[in-house]
Amino acid sequence: MTYLFTGLATVGAGLLFYLTLRNQQWLKQPLPAGLRPLALIALAASVGAWMWVMDDKAGFFAALVMLMLVLGVLPLLSLLKNAEGK
């Protein structure tokens, strides 16, 4: 259960970070840039949670893989969302 919550925290933090970027395609306007430090703090907390749940090295790389997955899939999903609207 802790893996699920830690994974959801990483996904949420990555989503918040992505939505603050200028080139994001999910919202008409990005979230305010003032939320980016909050997103980075949430990302650091999720990395710490992964390292607490697992071994230090394994937790770091698990968080890195989850973050790569989130930041790689969100632009793809926005392209698929725009293709459905046409």
Protein backbone atom coordinates (compact mmCIF):
# COMPACT_ATOMS: atom_id res chain seq x y z
CA MET A 1 0.00 0.00 0.00
CA THR A 2 2.88 2.37 0.70
CA TYR A 3 4.22 1.76 -2.81
CA LEU A 4 0.86 2.84 -4.24
CA PHE A 5 0.76 6.06 -2.21
CA THR A 6 4.40 6.83 -2.96
CA GLY A 7 3.81 6.23 -6.66
CA LEU A 8 0.73 8.45 -6.64
CA ALA A 9 2.70 11.17 -4.85
CA THR A 10 5.39 11.01 -7.53
CA VAL A 11 2.81 11.11 -10.32
CA GLY A 12 1.03 14.04 -8.68
CA ALA A 13 4.24 15.98 -8.16
CA GLY A 14 5.33 15.33 -11.75
CA LEU A 15 1.92 16.39 -13.03
CA LEU A 16 2.03 19.59 -10.99
CA PHE A 17 5.52 20.34 -12.31
CA TYR A 18 4.44 19.66 -15.90
CA LEU A 19 1.39 21.89 -15.64
CA THR A 20 3.56 24.83 -14.54
CA LEU A 21 5.69 24.66 -17.68
CA ARG A 22 5.09 27.15 -20.47
CA ASN A 23 4.88 24.53 -23.25
CA GLN A 24 2.40 22.19 -21.59
CA GLN A 25 -0.62 21.29 -23.72
CA TRP A 26 -3.16 20.21 -21.11
CA LEU A 27 -4.42 23.61 -19.97
CA LYS A 28 -5.13 26.73 -22.02
CA GLN A 29 -2.75 28.61 -19.74
CA PRO A 30 -0.09 27.03 -17.53
CA LEU A 31 -0.40 27.13 -13.80
CA PRO A 32 1.40 30.08 -12.19
CA ALA A 33 5.17 29.73 -12.09
CA GLY A 34 5.00 30.39 -8.36
CA LEU A 35 3.76 26.81 -7.92
CA ARG A 36 6.95 25.37 -9.43
CA PRO A 37 8.90 25.47 -6.12
CA LEU A 38 5.99 23.63 -4.49
CA ALA A 39 6.17 21.02 -7.24
CA LEU A 40 9.92 20.63 -6.73
CA ILE A 41 9.45 20.26 -2.98
CA ALA A 42 6.80 17.60 -3.62
CA LEU A 43 9.18 15.82 -6.00
CA ALA A 44 11.96 15.90 -3.40
CA ALA A 45 9.55 14.58 -0.78
CA SER A 46 8.46 11.75 -3.07
CA VAL A 47 12.09 10.81 -3.73
CA GLY A 48 12.63 10.77 0.02
CA ALA A 49 9.54 8.61 0.45
CA TRP A 50 10.79 6.15 -2.17
CA MET A 51 14.15 6.02 -0.41
CA TRP A 52 12.39 5.41 2.90
CA VAL A 53 10.18 2.62 1.51
CA MET A 54 12.99 0.88 -0.36
CA ASP A 55 16.76 0.75 -0.12
CA ASP A 56 18.36 4.17 -0.73
CA LYS A 57 19.71 3.44 -4.21
CA ALA A 58 16.70 1.43 -5.32
CA GLY A 59 14.35 4.13 -4.02
CA PHE A 60 16.20 6.86 -5.85
CA PHE A 61 16.07 4.98 -9.14
CA ALA A 62 12.43 3.98 -8.62
CA ALA A 63 11.53 7.65 -8.18
CA LEU A 64 13.60 8.54 -11.22
CA VAL A 65 11.87 5.91 -13.35
CA MET A 66 8.42 7.05 -12.19
CA LEU A 67 9.29 10.66 -12.94
CA MET A 68 10.63 9.77 -16.39
CA LEU A 69 7.46 7.83 -17.09
CA VAL A 70 5.22 10.71 -16.03
CA LEU A 71 7.15 13.43 -17.85
CA GLY A 72 7.38 11.27 -20.97
CA VAL A 73 3.76 10.15 -21.10
CA LEU A 74 2.02 13.47 -20.35
CA PRO A 75 3.04 15.15 -23.65
CA LEU A 76 2.06 11.99 -25.52
CA LEU A 77 -1.35 11.93 -23.87
CA SER A 78 -1.89 15.59 -24.73
CA LEU A 79 -1.19 14.77 -28.39
CA LEU A 80 -3.70 11.93 -28.26
CA LYS A 81 -6.24 14.25 -26.57
CA ASN A 82 -5.80 16.85 -29.34
CA ALA A 83 -6.13 14.18 -32.06
CA GLU A 84 -9.50 13.05 -30.67
CA GLY A 85 -10.87 16.58 -30.79
CA LYS A 86 -10.28 16.93 -34.54
